[in-house]
Amino acid sequence: MHAAGTGLPSPWIERWAHLIPAGGRVLDVACGSGRHVRWLAARGWQVTGIDRDAAAVEPLRAVADIHVADIEGGPWPLGDARFDAVVVTNYLWRALFPALLDSIAVGGVLLYETFAAGNETVGKPSRPDFLLQPGELLQRAQGLRVVAYEDGFLDAPPRFVQRLAAVREPPAADAPPRHSLVPPAAR
């Protein structure tokens, strides 16, 4: 089953969350009913959620800093706030990429997963406006160090996705940083 329909976190977010600094600030963009807000908050991160649906996010106020805003039609509501992670799943509004990237603090992580071209052959979304083109997520993340990237097809339900885990590294150091490809529990 597709995690969004179950209320469970995306396996991609679960897999790469270990890159988020412990206790850090996380922004969940277009958070909806809060499957990631709840999961991240339960693991000790300070979560900010943003969505335009006030009714959907109201129950999340108990576990997160919640902002109700139209991020497609209005100004970016978080100003120059920086986060240790920006999480985006099943959402694409290309004009928002500069604000999302600017919101990632040095050492912070972008965890992004959404629908890709080809999805129109198996379901919704099917409009090109809401489907990433081949390699587009990699291009949008220029300036970040890509730790993981996938572009392909998933079953149950059938869907085409692109997903990325990328880090905003600090200025050059003596040794390259190590971003573990394995979560601590699996080591």
Protein backbone atom coordinates (compact mmCIF):
# COMPACT_ATOMS: atom_id res chain seq x y z
CA MET A 1 0.00 0.00 0.00
CA HIS A 2 1.14 3.51 -0.81
CA ALA A 3 2.18 5.11 2.50
CA ALA A 4 0.23 8.35 1.89
CA GLY A 5 -3.05 6.47 1.96
CA THR A 6 -2.25 4.67 5.19
CA GLY A 7 -1.11 7.58 7.36
CA LEU A 8 2.28 5.87 7.64
CA PRO A 9 5.44 7.79 6.79
CA SER A 10 7.03 7.34 3.40
CA PRO A 11 9.66 4.59 3.44
CA TRP A 12 11.97 7.11 1.71
CA ILE A 13 11.62 9.57 4.59
CA GLU A 14 12.11 6.78 7.13
CA ARG A 15 15.19 5.54 5.29
CA TRP A 16 16.98 8.90 5.11
CA ALA A 17 15.80 10.64 8.29
CA HIS A 18 19.04 9.58 10.00
CA LEU A 19 20.73 12.37 8.02
CA ILE A 20 18.74 14.97 10.00
CA PRO A 21 20.71 16.32 12.97
CA ALA A 22 19.36 14.96 16.26
CA GLY A 23 16.83 17.31 17.85
CA GLY A 24 16.97 19.58 14.81
CA ARG A 25 14.30 21.74 13.25
CA VAL A 26 12.34 20.11 10.40
CA LEU A 27 9.97 21.75 7.93
CA ASP A 28 7.26 19.55 6.40
CA VAL A 29 5.94 21.34 3.29
CA ALA A 30 2.34 20.69 2.19
CA CYS A 31 2.06 18.49 5.27
CA GLY A 32 -1.64 17.65 4.87
CA SER A 33 -2.97 15.59 7.75
CA GLY A 34 0.54 15.21 9.13
CA ARG A 35 1.82 11.69 8.65
CA HIS A 36 5.40 13.02 8.60
CA VAL A 37 4.79 15.76 11.15
CA ARG A 38 3.69 13.15 13.70
CA TRP A 39 6.39 10.63 12.82
CA LEU A 40 9.21 13.21 13.00
CA ALA A 41 7.94 14.83 16.20
CA ALA A 42 7.66 11.41 17.88
CA ARG A 43 11.38 10.92 17.18
CA GLY A 44 12.43 14.14 18.86
CA TRP A 45 12.71 16.62 16.00
CA GLN A 46 11.17 20.09 16.33
CA VAL A 47 8.66 20.12 13.48
CA THR A 48 7.09 22.98 11.58
CA GLY A 49 4.30 22.06 9.21
CA ILE A 50 2.83 24.19 6.47
CA ASP A 51 -0.33 23.57 4.46
CA ARG A 52 -3.27 25.53 3.08
CA ASP A 53 -5.92 23.23 4.59
CA ALA A 54 -6.63 24.68 8.05
CA ALA A 55 -8.97 21.84 9.05
CA ALA A 56 -6.43 19.14 8.12
CA VAL A 57 -3.59 20.70 10.11
CA GLU A 58 -5.55 21.80 13.19
CA PRO A 59 -4.99 18.49 15.08
CA LEU A 60 -1.24 18.82 14.46
CA ARG A 61 -0.91 21.94 16.61
CA ALA A 62 -0.40 19.69 19.65
CA VAL A 63 2.88 18.31 18.25
CA ALA A 64 4.21 20.96 15.86
CA ASP A 65 4.43 24.61 14.92
CA ILE A 66 1.74 24.83 12.23
CA HIS A 67 1.33 27.50 9.55
CA VAL A 68 -1.75 27.75 7.35
CA ALA A 69 -0.79 29.46 4.11
CA ASP A 70 -1.30 29.36 0.37
CA ILE A 71 2.30 28.71 -0.66
CA GLU A 72 1.36 28.67 -4.34
CA GLY A 73 -0.52 31.96 -4.49
CA GLY A 74 1.01 34.02 -1.71
CA PRO A 75 4.43 34.99 -0.39
CA TRP A 76 6.63 32.46 1.37
CA PRO A 77 5.25 32.68 4.92
CA LEU A 78 8.39 31.62 6.81
CA GLY A 79 10.65 34.49 5.76
CA ASP A 80 14.31 33.65 6.12
CA ALA A 81 13.83 30.84 8.68
CA ARG A 82 16.32 27.99 8.27
CA PHE A 83 15.73 24.33 9.05
CA ASP A 84 17.91 21.28 9.62
CA ALA A 85 15.67 19.42 7.19
CA VAL A 86 13.03 20.22 4.61
CA VAL A 87 10.67 17.34 3.85
CA VAL A 88 8.39 17.31 0.80
CA THR A 89 6.32 14.33 -0.35
CA ASN A 90 3.69 14.01 -3.07
CA TYR A 91 3.82 17.72 -3.82
CA LEU A 92 5.31 19.78 -6.63
CA TRP A 93 5.14 23.52 -7.19
CA ARG A 94 8.21 24.44 -9.18
CA ALA A 95 8.14 28.14 -8.30
CA LEU A 96 8.68 27.15 -4.66
CA PHE A 97 12.09 25.50 -5.16
CA PRO A 98 14.16 28.65 -4.46
CA ALA A 99 12.37 29.19 -1.12
CA LEU A 100 12.72 25.51 -0.20
CA LEU A 101 16.44 25.47 -0.93
CA ASP A 102 16.98 28.75 0.91
CA SER A 103 15.25 27.22 3.94
CA ILE A 104 17.90 24.50 4.35
CA ALA A 105 20.51 25.41 6.98
CA VAL A 106 24.19 24.57 6.56
CA GLY A 107 24.44 20.88 7.42
CA GLY A 108 20.73 20.51 6.72
CA VAL A 109 18.97 17.95 4.56
CA LEU A 110 16.42 17.99 1.74
CA LEU A 111 14.24 14.87 1.64
CA TYR A 112 11.99 15.05 -1.40
CA GLU A 113 9.73 12.48 -3.03
CA THR A 114 7.00 13.12 -5.59
CA PHE A 115 5.43 11.95 -8.80
CA ALA A 116 7.36 11.83 -12.07
CA ALA A 117 6.69 11.75 -15.78
CA GLY A 118 5.12 8.43 -16.70
CA ASN A 119 2.60 8.64 -13.87
CA GLU A 120 -0.01 9.83 -16.35
CA THR A 121 -0.04 6.27 -17.73
CA VAL A 122 -1.07 4.73 -14.40
CA GLY A 123 -3.12 7.33 -12.54
CA LYS A 124 -3.16 10.76 -10.94
CA PRO A 125 -1.59 13.18 -10.88
CA SER A 126 -1.41 13.15 -14.63
CA ARG A 127 -0.89 16.81 -15.57
CA PRO A 128 2.71 17.67 -16.55
CA ASP A 129 2.59 20.60 -14.11
CA PHE A 130 2.59 18.08 -11.27
CA LEU A 131 5.09 15.55 -12.67
CA LEU A 132 8.86 15.88 -12.48
CA GLN A 133 10.66 15.45 -15.77
CA PRO A 134 13.60 12.98 -16.05
CA GLY A 135 16.47 14.22 -13.88
CA GLU A 136 14.58 17.36 -12.85
CA LEU A 137 14.90 16.81 -9.12
CA LEU A 138 18.66 16.45 -9.49
CA GLN A 139 18.80 19.71 -11.43
CA ARG A 140 16.68 21.50 -8.82
CA ALA A 141 19.01 20.34 -6.04
CA GLN A 142 22.16 21.80 -7.59
CA GLY A 143 24.36 23.24 -4.88
CA LEU A 144 23.50 20.41 -2.48
CA ARG A 145 25.42 17.17 -2.10
CA VAL A 146 23.16 14.39 -3.34
CA VAL A 147 23.41 11.38 -1.07
CA ALA A 148 20.66 9.34 -2.73
CA TYR A 149 18.45 9.68 -5.79
CA GLU A 150 15.94 7.42 -7.48
CA ASP A 151 13.80 7.89 -10.56
CA GLY A 152 11.52 5.01 -11.43
CA PHE A 153 8.38 2.96 -10.94
CA LEU A 154 6.83 1.61 -7.73
CA ASP A 155 3.95 -0.85 -7.29
CA ALA A 156 1.09 -0.91 -4.77
CA PRO A 157 -0.31 1.37 -6.05
CA PRO A 158 1.48 1.77 -9.37
CA ARG A 159 3.24 5.13 -9.61
CA PHE A 160 6.27 6.83 -11.12
CA VAL A 161 8.38 8.81 -8.65
CA GLN A 162 11.57 10.73 -8.21
CA ARG A 163 13.09 10.97 -4.76
CA LEU A 164 16.16 12.59 -3.38
CA ALA A 165 18.14 12.93 -0.17
CA ALA A 166 20.64 15.80 -0.32
CA VAL A 167 22.71 17.76 2.19
CA ARG A 168 23.78 21.41 2.29
CA GLU A 169 27.38 20.89 3.27
CA PRO A 170 29.41 23.44 5.20
CA PRO A 171 32.23 25.21 3.37
CA ALA A 172 35.19 22.99 2.46
CA ALA A 173 36.82 21.16 5.34
CA ASP A 174 40.01 19.12 5.60
CA ALA A 175 38.15 15.85 5.14
CA PRO A 176 34.95 15.17 3.21
CA PRO A 177 31.91 14.67 5.42
CA ARG A 178 30.50 11.19 5.68
CA HIS A 179 26.80 10.74 5.07
CA SER A 180 25.92 7.21 6.08
CA LEU A 181 23.92 5.27 3.50
CA VAL A 182 22.62 2.99 6.27
CA PRO A 183 20.33 4.12 9.12
CA PRO A 184 21.82 3.52 12.61
CA ALA A 185 19.32 0.75 13.45
CA ALA A 186 20.44 -1.25 10.39
CA ARG A 187 24.16 -1.02 11.13
